Every structure is written in structure tokens, then in C-alpha cells.
Amino acid sequence: MSELWATRQRNTNRMVRLVAPFVLKSRRATADQIYGLCKLTWITDNPLPADAPYIRSTKIPALGEVFKEDFSGLTLSEVATRVSEILGNLDAVEVIQQHTGFTNFYKAYRNAAREWVKQNLLRLVPLFRDALNLSTDEDGRDLVENITRLEGISKPNNQDTKMRPEYILTPAFFALDSRLRFPMINGNQGVQRLLRAIGAAKAPLPTQYSRMIELYGKGGITDAADLDQAGQDLPDFITTPGFNPTKQLLGVQPTTGDDLPLKDESDVESVQSAKTVTNRRLHNSLTNKLRTALSSFVLYEGRNKDAMFDAMVKNYNFEKDDLLIEVKSSTDIAHVRMAVGQLYSYSYRLNPDHEAHFAVLLPQRPGKDVSELLEWLDIGLLWFSGDDLCSSNKWLSSIAKDA
């Protein structure tokens, strides 16, 4: 997961909440309409390109089911315009055209799920209405209790193999919750890792729900989309006996005003120039640009006094390696030497038994002395050219342009 994916999840919430009243305020919501609301949370393989296959195979048919119209043959733009006309809401055009959907619901169960919705329609419609009007976490727990009373979804040609109903319903209820607090509890690997991390993998569904919502407000986790990002790294976000948290989701850094704290004031004492307001502003501006440039990755920042790293890029090379980045507001060699020491110190505090990958982000391409030092240390060099993140290291090509 990444912030870009979390934004996609929030976009799905916005879209589903926009169209759901058309279904749920009707006295005769149909099984196909309820199924369509669920389907709006689904994707297919490779959902990122502008013309991703899920748009035609899943999203447009789902909208057709919600509005009881045949949208086949129409482009997404044309569908968005038609939905806007039906709802009398000009905002619908923008909302519908955004990338949405976030769960790759098991293909073997997709057709069976439609029949399951039909069989359980009278019980499901009130639950969907309750999800649209959620106001408290206790109401959410009541919803979860009701989910546990539903039969599973039978696999085609095998009535003994059933999918748990929360796998289809919790993503839909997340998408209906205006508070974005109803957690997604399905078979996704990240969700299952998270449940294992909090010791709730084998717990009843209501317990899993309660344990998950207890995490809001910790480590930069504000809603269920953030929680989905945390995944297997959750133990590093929370305080437990004898252990202080070392990470939180990377947030926007302040760039205005005079109170602009840096990550590690004690280390910066040795480089006085870095303490000026101008340099602090530059440091935090660079961090914000990094956050934007790498929005498709999960990014962390340090929060333990012994490991106040500026940024960590999860799985930066798609080989399960993380990249620790130190940001400096100057290309002066003293600042770079300080960055090197911080990277090694932070890495040791985070995981001394793991071979770390390091990089330094500078405000511009440095001179030969800095470049050669970092190359000798096998530490990556990053800088910005306009809004483009650049590097002279080919091994950083997954995140930066070759320069």
C-alpha cells in the first residue's frame, strides 16, 4: 500500500457515497443495485494505467447496475456525464472519472456473490443503509455483529467451500462510511499481516474490528485508508511495554512561520547554518517534494529520538528492500558527512542485523567531492531538477530519473 493507493480508497469512498443514496433511499433497492455498490470497490489486475481494464470490465458495468441503465459502449467520461444528469449533481463528473476501486475480489466468487446478494437482499439492504449513516464506532461494531450472522458465499460447484461475508461487505461499508473509520477486513495479504501483527488473526470478527479501530490516532494513522497502508509494519507504529515506536506515516512538513522543527536538533547543533529559518524551510520543502514525487510508494518518517530519519521508502526497488533517505539543505561536505553518520546510526537503531540501503537528498547536484564520497560509501545521491527527482545512481532508477 501507499499514500497514492490510500487516496484511491478515499476516492472510492467519495464516489460510492455519491451514488449510494440513489439506491438506498429507494423503497425497492434491487439485488443488482446492492451488488453494483459492492462491485464499485473492486479492481482487476493492473489497475493503474489511465485506460486500466477494470474501468470497462468492472467499474462501468457496476455503475450501470446501480442506475439500472445499459452503459455498455459508453466511455467513462460519457458515463460520468450521464450519472451527473441522473443525480442532478455537476460534481459527479469529476468524482466518477477518478481512479477508484481497491480490492481484487476473488474472481471465482464474483458470480456467486451476485446470487448471494439476491438470497440475502432483505437482510443486506438495512445494513447498507446503516453503513451510509454511520456516526459512531459502536454503530460500526453493531454492523460487524450483523455480518457474523450471515451465511458465507458458496463457491461455484462446491457448496462446502464458502467465502466469509466480511470479504465482500467490509470494503463496501468502508466505502459508505462518511467518517472513513470502518476498517477493511478481508483476505488481502496486507490486512492479514496487520491482523497477525496485532494478535487478532484468529480472533472473532467483532474483536478484529475493535482492535483495528483502536489504532486510529497512533503513528499518523487517521482513518481506515491509513490503517491499510500500515500493514505488516504496524508493530513499529505503536507503543508496547519496553518498546517505543520508531515509525509513523510520512506527513506534510511545515514550510511557513518561524517555528520549523527539524528531525534531530541535537545533531544539527554541529552544523549551525542548518538551524536558520531559511535552511529549515528548504529542508522541509525538499521533504514535501519527495513525498509528492514518491506518492506511489509507502513512505515513513522517524518518530523515536534515537532514529529520527527523514524518510523511508518501502520496497523501493520492488525486491522487498527499503531505502532510508536523509534530507539536507546544503551540498556542503559537512552537511553530507553529518547525513552519512545519521543514516548509519538510524539504520543500526532500526535493525542492526539488516543490510540497509541509503540515499542523501540534496537541494541540487553537488560537486565532485560529495559525489565521489557518496559513491565510495555506496550511498545513493538524489536531487531535484524542477519537480523531477534525479540521481546519478542507476540502482535508484525505480524512484529517480537517471542524470
Protein backbone atom coordinates (compact mmCIF):
# COMPACT_ATOMS: atom_id res chain seq x y z
CA MET A 1 0.00 0.00 0.00
CA SER A 2 0.99 3.65 -0.46
CA GLU A 3 -0.43 7.10 0.01
CA LEU A 4 -1.42 7.08 -3.67
CA TRP A 5 -3.42 3.90 -3.02
CA ALA A 6 -4.93 5.38 0.16
CA THR A 7 -6.05 8.36 -1.93
CA ARG A 8 -7.65 5.92 -4.36
CA GLN A 9 -9.50 4.30 -1.48
CA ARG A 10 -10.76 7.71 -0.32
CA ASN A 11 -11.82 8.50 -3.91
CA THR A 12 -13.81 5.26 -3.93
CA ASN A 13 -15.49 6.31 -0.68
CA ARG A 14 -16.42 9.65 -2.23
CA MET A 15 -17.85 8.01 -5.36
CA VAL A 16 -19.83 5.29 -3.56
CA ARG A 17 -21.28 7.81 -1.11
CA LEU A 18 -22.31 10.00 -4.05
CA VAL A 19 -24.24 7.25 -5.86
CA ALA A 20 -25.45 5.14 -2.91
CA PRO A 21 -28.43 7.35 -1.94
CA PHE A 22 -29.92 6.67 -5.40
CA VAL A 23 -30.14 3.03 -4.31
CA LEU A 24 -30.58 3.16 -0.56
CA LYS A 25 -33.19 5.92 -0.37
CA SER A 26 -35.38 3.96 -2.73
CA ARG A 27 -38.04 1.73 -1.23
CA ARG A 28 -37.17 -1.03 -3.65
CA ALA A 29 -33.42 -1.43 -3.83
CA THR A 30 -32.67 -4.43 -6.03
CA ALA A 31 -30.09 -7.17 -5.61
CA ASP A 32 -28.29 -5.98 -8.74
CA GLN A 33 -28.03 -2.45 -7.29
CA ILE A 34 -26.59 -3.69 -3.98
CA TYR A 35 -24.23 -5.97 -5.91
CA GLY A 36 -23.25 -2.94 -8.02
CA LEU A 37 -22.33 -0.94 -4.89
CA CYS A 38 -20.07 -3.77 -3.78
CA LYS A 39 -18.59 -4.06 -7.25
CA LEU A 40 -17.58 -0.38 -7.25
CA THR A 41 -14.86 -1.28 -4.71
CA TRP A 42 -13.39 -3.95 -6.99
CA ILE A 43 -10.47 -3.81 -9.40
CA THR A 44 -8.84 -6.22 -11.81
CA ASP A 45 -5.14 -6.85 -12.47
CA ASN A 46 -3.01 -3.80 -13.33
CA PRO A 47 -5.48 -1.11 -12.21
CA LEU A 48 -3.10 1.88 -12.52
CA PRO A 49 -2.96 2.94 -16.23
CA ALA A 50 -5.31 5.66 -17.39
CA ASP A 51 -7.21 3.11 -19.51
CA ALA A 52 -6.92 0.26 -16.96
CA PRO A 53 -9.02 -2.82 -17.83
CA TYR A 54 -11.11 -2.60 -14.65
CA ILE A 55 -12.82 0.54 -15.97
CA ARG A 56 -14.62 -1.29 -18.77
CA SER A 57 -14.86 -4.74 -17.19
CA THR A 58 -15.89 -3.71 -13.68
CA LYS A 59 -16.49 -0.02 -12.99
CA ILE A 60 -18.77 0.90 -15.89
CA PRO A 61 -20.93 -2.27 -15.55
CA ALA A 62 -21.20 -1.63 -11.78
CA LEU A 63 -22.44 1.92 -12.38
CA GLY A 64 -24.92 0.53 -14.91
CA GLU A 65 -26.25 -1.87 -12.27
CA VAL A 66 -26.54 0.90 -9.68
CA PHE A 67 -28.52 3.17 -12.01
CA LYS A 68 -30.36 0.38 -13.87
CA GLU A 69 -29.08 1.57 -17.23
CA ASP A 70 -27.05 -0.06 -20.00
CA PHE A 71 -23.75 1.83 -20.08
CA SER A 72 -22.00 -0.70 -22.34
CA GLY A 73 -20.43 1.02 -25.32
CA LEU A 74 -20.02 4.29 -23.43
CA THR A 75 -16.72 5.79 -22.34
CA LEU A 76 -16.16 6.56 -18.67
CA SER A 77 -16.47 10.26 -19.48
CA GLU A 78 -19.87 9.66 -21.08
CA VAL A 79 -20.99 7.54 -18.12
CA ALA A 80 -19.87 10.28 -15.72
CA THR A 81 -21.91 12.85 -17.63
CA ARG A 82 -24.99 10.61 -17.59
CA VAL A 83 -24.65 9.92 -13.84
CA SER A 84 -24.32 13.65 -13.25
CA GLU A 85 -27.61 14.19 -15.14
CA ILE A 86 -29.39 11.46 -13.16
CA LEU A 87 -28.22 12.83 -9.82
CA GLY A 88 -28.51 16.48 -10.76
CA ASN A 89 -25.01 16.98 -9.41
CA LEU A 90 -22.27 18.50 -11.57
CA ASP A 91 -19.58 17.28 -9.12
CA ALA A 92 -20.36 13.72 -10.16
CA VAL A 93 -18.43 14.13 -13.42
CA GLU A 94 -15.11 14.65 -11.65
CA VAL A 95 -15.82 12.03 -8.95
CA ILE A 96 -16.78 9.28 -11.40
CA GLN A 97 -13.76 9.86 -13.65
CA GLN A 98 -11.18 9.45 -10.88
CA HIS A 99 -9.42 6.13 -10.43
CA THR A 100 -11.42 4.10 -7.91
CA GLY A 101 -11.68 0.53 -6.62
CA PHE A 102 -9.10 -1.08 -4.38
CA THR A 103 -9.89 -4.75 -3.71
CA ASN A 104 -9.20 -7.56 -6.18
CA PHE A 105 -12.22 -9.61 -5.12
CA TYR A 106 -11.74 -13.30 -5.82
CA LYS A 107 -12.78 -13.91 -9.43
CA ALA A 108 -14.09 -17.41 -8.67
CA TYR A 109 -16.67 -15.90 -6.32
CA ARG A 110 -17.80 -12.86 -8.34
CA ASN A 111 -20.79 -14.52 -10.00
CA ALA A 112 -21.64 -16.46 -6.85
CA ALA A 113 -21.62 -13.18 -4.92
CA ARG A 114 -24.44 -11.83 -7.08
CA GLU A 115 -26.62 -14.83 -6.22
CA TRP A 116 -25.64 -14.50 -2.55
CA VAL A 117 -26.74 -10.85 -2.53
CA LYS A 118 -30.05 -11.87 -4.11
CA GLN A 119 -30.64 -14.56 -1.47
CA ASN A 120 -29.79 -12.18 1.39
CA LEU A 121 -31.25 -8.95 -0.02
CA LEU A 122 -33.80 -8.31 2.75
CA ARG A 123 -31.05 -8.56 5.38
CA LEU A 124 -28.42 -6.66 3.38
CA VAL A 125 -30.35 -3.51 2.46
CA PRO A 126 -30.77 -2.35 6.10
CA LEU A 127 -27.07 -3.00 6.72
CA PHE A 128 -26.06 -0.91 3.71
CA ARG A 129 -28.35 1.89 4.88
CA ASP A 130 -26.79 1.73 8.35
CA ALA A 131 -23.30 1.89 6.83
CA LEU A 132 -24.23 5.01 4.86
CA ASN A 133 -25.40 6.68 8.07
CA LEU A 134 -22.66 5.52 10.46
CA SER A 135 -21.93 8.06 13.19
CA THR A 136 -20.08 6.10 15.88
CA ASP A 137 -17.63 3.23 16.16
CA GLU A 138 -20.18 1.42 18.34
CA ASP A 139 -22.65 1.54 15.46
CA GLY A 140 -19.90 0.08 13.30
CA ARG A 141 -19.44 -2.76 15.75
CA ASP A 142 -23.18 -3.48 15.55
CA LEU A 143 -22.77 -3.76 11.78
CA VAL A 144 -19.94 -6.22 12.27
CA GLU A 145 -22.07 -8.30 14.64
CA ASN A 146 -24.74 -8.49 11.93
CA ILE A 147 -22.16 -9.58 9.35
CA THR A 148 -21.25 -12.56 11.54
CA ARG A 149 -24.88 -13.75 11.38
CA LEU A 150 -24.80 -14.08 7.59
CA GLU A 151 -24.03 -17.30 5.75
CA GLY A 152 -20.84 -17.44 3.70
CA ILE A 153 -20.73 -17.22 -0.09
CA SER A 154 -20.65 -20.68 -1.65
CA LYS A 155 -18.00 -21.40 -4.25
CA PRO A 156 -19.45 -22.49 -7.61
CA ASN A 157 -19.69 -26.27 -7.86
CA ASN A 158 -18.53 -26.64 -4.26
CA GLN A 159 -21.14 -25.80 -1.64
CA ASP A 160 -18.79 -26.81 1.18
CA THR A 161 -16.22 -24.09 0.37
CA LYS A 162 -17.57 -20.70 1.44
CA MET A 163 -16.12 -17.22 1.45
CA ARG A 164 -16.59 -15.22 4.63
CA PRO A 165 -19.20 -12.49 4.13
CA GLU A 166 -16.91 -9.75 5.51
CA TYR A 167 -14.68 -10.19 2.46
CA ILE A 168 -17.36 -8.61 0.25
CA LEU A 169 -19.08 -6.39 2.82
CA THR A 170 -16.35 -4.61 4.79
CA PRO A 171 -14.82 -2.91 1.69
CA ALA A 172 -18.33 -1.77 0.72
CA PHE A 173 -19.06 -0.48 4.23
CA PHE A 174 -15.71 1.35 4.27
CA ALA A 175 -16.81 2.99 1.01
CA LEU A 176 -20.14 4.03 2.56
CA ASP A 177 -18.77 5.39 5.85
CA SER A 178 -18.51 9.20 5.77
CA ARG A 179 -16.01 9.05 8.66
CA LEU A 180 -13.66 6.68 6.78
CA ARG A 181 -13.29 4.70 10.02
CA PHE A 182 -14.90 1.37 9.09
CA PRO A 183 -11.90 -0.93 8.52
CA MET A 184 -11.50 -3.30 5.61
CA ILE A 185 -11.27 -6.85 6.95
CA ASN A 186 -10.87 -9.21 4.02
CA GLY A 187 -8.48 -11.78 2.62
CA ASN A 188 -5.97 -9.23 1.34
CA GLN A 189 -2.42 -10.17 2.36
CA GLY A 190 -1.77 -6.76 3.88
CA VAL A 191 -4.90 -7.00 6.01
CA GLN A 192 -3.96 -10.48 7.18
CA ARG A 193 -0.43 -9.31 8.06
CA LEU A 194 -1.92 -6.44 10.04
CA LEU A 195 -4.21 -8.79 11.95
CA ARG A 196 -1.27 -11.05 12.77
CA ALA A 197 0.73 -8.05 13.93
CA ILE A 198 -1.91 -7.09 16.48
CA GLY A 199 -2.51 -10.70 17.54
CA ALA A 200 -6.04 -10.84 16.13
CA ALA A 201 -5.66 -13.09 13.08
CA LYS A 202 -7.73 -15.89 14.64
CA ALA A 203 -10.00 -13.65 16.73
CA PRO A 204 -13.75 -13.29 16.04
CA LEU A 205 -14.67 -10.57 13.56
CA PRO A 206 -16.01 -8.12 16.22
CA THR A 207 -12.71 -8.41 18.11
CA GLN A 208 -10.73 -7.79 14.94
CA TYR A 209 -12.86 -4.70 14.30
CA SER A 210 -12.31 -3.34 17.83
CA ARG A 211 -8.56 -3.97 17.77
CA MET A 212 -8.21 -2.23 14.43
CA ILE A 213 -10.11 0.95 15.30
CA GLU A 214 -8.06 1.27 18.50
CA LEU A 215 -5.11 2.11 16.25
CA TYR A 216 -6.57 5.36 14.95
CA GLY A 217 -4.61 8.34 16.21
CA LYS A 218 -1.37 6.35 16.53
CA GLY A 219 1.66 6.67 14.26
CA GLY A 220 -0.04 9.11 11.89
CA ILE A 221 -2.94 6.70 11.27
CA THR A 222 -6.08 8.84 10.98
CA ASP A 223 -8.53 6.60 9.14
CA ALA A 224 -9.09 3.15 7.65
CA ALA A 225 -7.18 4.05 4.46
CA ASP A 226 -4.09 4.93 6.54
CA LEU A 227 -4.55 1.73 8.52
CA ASP A 228 -4.49 -0.25 5.28
CA GLN A 229 -1.09 1.32 4.50
CA ALA A 230 0.46 0.25 7.80
CA GLY A 231 0.10 -3.49 7.17
CA GLN A 232 2.92 -5.66 8.48
CA ASP A 233 4.87 -2.68 9.86
CA LEU A 234 2.23 -1.93 12.46
CA PRO A 235 4.34 -3.02 15.48
CA ASP A 236 6.74 -0.17 14.66
CA PHE A 237 3.88 2.35 14.94
CA ILE A 238 2.55 1.60 18.39
CA THR A 239 3.80 1.76 21.97
CA THR A 240 4.11 -1.54 23.77
CA PRO A 241 5.77 -2.37 27.14
CA GLY A 242 9.51 -1.80 26.79
CA PHE A 243 9.26 -0.60 23.19
CA ASN A 244 8.86 2.93 21.81
CA PRO A 245 7.51 3.38 18.26
CA THR A 246 10.12 4.02 15.56
CA LYS A 247 7.92 4.97 12.60
CA GLN A 248 4.87 6.88 11.53
CA LEU A 249 3.38 7.61 8.13
CA LEU A 250 5.21 10.50 6.47
CA GLY A 251 3.18 13.67 6.91
CA VAL A 252 3.30 17.12 5.32
CA GLN A 253 6.11 19.20 6.85
CA PRO A 254 5.59 22.86 7.81
CA THR A 255 7.18 25.42 5.49
CA THR A 256 5.70 28.68 6.79
CA GLY A 257 6.16 30.59 10.02
CA ASP A 258 9.20 30.77 12.26
CA ASP A 259 8.69 27.56 14.24
CA LEU A 260 10.06 24.97 11.82
CA PRO A 261 11.47 22.00 13.76
CA LEU A 262 13.93 19.59 12.18
CA LYS A 263 14.12 15.91 12.89
CA ASP A 264 17.21 15.84 15.08
CA GLU A 265 18.05 19.12 16.77
CA SER A 266 20.93 17.65 18.81
CA ASP A 267 22.85 16.54 15.70
CA VAL A 268 22.19 19.78 13.85
CA GLU A 269 23.95 21.73 16.62
CA SER A 270 27.24 20.84 14.91
CA VAL A 271 26.11 22.47 11.67
CA GLN A 272 24.79 25.84 12.82
CA SER A 273 23.81 27.06 9.38
CA ALA A 274 21.18 24.37 9.14
CA LYS A 275 19.34 25.98 12.05
CA THR A 276 18.41 29.14 10.21
CA VAL A 277 14.75 29.53 9.28
CA THR A 278 15.70 29.71 5.61
CA ASN A 279 17.50 26.37 5.70
CA ARG A 280 14.77 24.72 7.74
CA ARG A 281 12.21 25.85 5.23
CA LEU A 282 14.34 24.48 2.38
CA HIS A 283 14.80 21.16 4.25
CA ASN A 284 11.06 20.72 4.79
CA SER A 285 10.22 21.86 1.25
CA LEU A 286 12.56 19.18 -0.12
CA THR A 287 10.89 16.58 2.12
CA ASN A 288 7.47 17.63 0.83
CA LYS A 289 8.65 17.40 -2.79
CA LEU A 290 10.00 13.92 -2.04
CA ARG A 291 6.64 12.94 -0.56
CA THR A 292 4.88 14.10 -3.73
CA ALA A 293 7.40 12.56 -6.15
CA LEU A 294 7.18 9.16 -4.44
CA SER A 295 3.46 9.15 -3.69
CA SER A 296 3.10 5.70 -5.28
CA PHE A 297 5.28 4.24 -2.51
CA VAL A 298 4.62 3.82 1.20
CA LEU A 299 6.73 6.44 3.00
CA TYR A 300 7.63 6.63 6.68
CA GLU A 301 9.38 9.16 8.89
CA GLY A 302 11.13 8.51 12.19
CA ARG A 303 9.49 9.33 15.49
CA ASN A 304 11.86 7.74 18.05
CA LYS A 305 14.54 10.09 19.43
CA ASP A 306 17.22 7.52 18.51
CA ALA A 307 16.03 7.18 14.91
CA MET A 308 14.58 10.47 13.65
CA PHE A 309 15.10 9.66 9.98
CA ASP A 310 13.65 11.99 7.37
CA ALA A 311 12.10 9.37 5.08
CA MET A 312 11.98 5.63 4.43
CA VAL A 313 10.72 4.28 1.09
CA LYS A 314 9.17 0.83 1.50
CA ASN A 315 10.14 -1.72 -1.16
CA TYR A 316 11.77 0.99 -3.28
CA ASN A 317 13.32 -1.48 -5.74
CA PHE A 318 10.39 -3.93 -5.78
CA GLU A 319 12.68 -6.56 -4.26
CA LYS A 320 11.47 -6.00 -0.68
CA ASP A 321 14.32 -3.62 0.20
CA ASP A 322 13.65 -0.34 2.00
CA LEU A 323 15.53 2.90 1.28
CA LEU A 324 16.50 5.22 4.14
CA ILE A 325 16.83 8.85 2.99
CA GLU A 326 18.41 11.77 4.82
CA VAL A 327 17.50 15.26 3.56
CA LYS A 328 19.99 18.13 3.73
CA SER A 329 19.50 21.80 2.87
CA SER A 330 23.09 22.27 1.66
CA THR A 331 25.58 20.45 -0.59
CA ASP A 332 28.42 21.45 1.73
CA ILE A 333 30.58 18.44 2.63
CA ALA A 334 29.98 18.97 6.37
CA HIS A 335 26.25 18.52 5.91
CA VAL A 336 26.81 15.40 3.83
CA ARG A 337 29.19 13.91 6.43
CA MET A 338 26.50 14.53 9.03
CA ALA A 339 23.93 12.81 6.81
CA VAL A 340 26.15 9.75 6.43
CA GLY A 341 26.55 9.39 10.18
CA GLN A 342 22.83 9.81 10.74
CA LEU A 343 21.96 7.15 8.17
CA TYR A 344 24.22 4.55 9.75
CA SER A 345 23.10 5.43 13.26
CA TYR A 346 19.41 5.33 12.36
CA SER A 347 19.81 2.05 10.48
CA TYR A 348 21.55 0.48 13.47
CA ARG A 349 18.75 1.57 15.78
CA LEU A 350 16.05 0.30 13.42
CA ASN A 351 17.53 -3.11 12.55
CA PRO A 352 21.25 -3.81 13.15
CA ASP A 353 21.03 -7.26 11.51
CA HIS A 354 19.68 -5.97 8.20
CA GLU A 355 21.78 -4.68 5.30
CA ALA A 356 20.39 -1.20 4.73
CA HIS A 357 20.08 0.85 1.53
CA PHE A 358 20.89 4.56 1.94
CA ALA A 359 20.49 7.79 -0.03
CA VAL A 360 21.02 11.50 0.61
CA LEU A 361 18.66 14.11 -0.88
CA LEU A 362 20.35 17.48 -1.57
CA PRO A 363 18.89 20.74 -2.93
CA GLN A 364 20.90 20.43 -6.16
CA ARG A 365 23.52 18.23 -7.78
CA PRO A 366 26.67 18.55 -5.64
CA GLY A 367 30.29 18.89 -6.62
CA LYS A 368 32.77 16.10 -7.33
CA ASP A 369 33.96 15.77 -3.73
CA VAL A 370 30.48 14.99 -2.41
CA SER A 371 29.54 12.73 -5.35
CA GLU A 372 32.70 10.64 -5.03
CA LEU A 373 32.36 10.31 -1.25
CA LEU A 374 28.80 9.01 -1.54
CA GLU A 375 29.75 6.69 -4.40
CA TRP A 376 32.65 5.26 -2.37
CA LEU A 377 30.27 4.66 0.54
CA ASP A 378 27.68 3.09 -1.81
CA ILE A 379 25.16 5.71 -0.68
CA GLY A 380 22.72 6.97 -3.26
CA LEU A 381 22.66 10.61 -4.35
CA LEU A 382 19.32 12.35 -5.02
CA TRP A 383 18.42 15.90 -6.00
CA PHE A 384 15.56 17.70 -7.73
CA SER A 385 15.60 19.25 -11.17
CA GLY A 386 12.37 21.19 -11.15
CA ASP A 387 9.84 18.66 -9.89
CA ASP A 388 11.80 15.67 -11.20
CA LEU A 389 13.67 13.54 -8.68
CA CYS A 390 17.09 12.77 -10.19
CA SER A 391 20.02 10.52 -9.35
CA SER A 392 23.42 9.58 -10.75
CA ASN A 393 22.96 6.04 -9.42
CA LYS A 394 21.46 3.51 -11.79
CA TRP A 395 20.33 1.37 -8.83
CA LEU A 396 17.90 4.16 -7.90
CA SER A 397 16.19 4.12 -11.31
CA SER A 398 12.99 2.76 -9.76
CA ILE A 399 12.41 6.07 -7.95
CA ALA A 400 14.51 8.70 -9.80
CA LYS A 401 15.47 9.83 -13.27
CA ASP A 402 18.97 8.96 -14.44
CA ALA A 403 21.14 12.06 -14.71
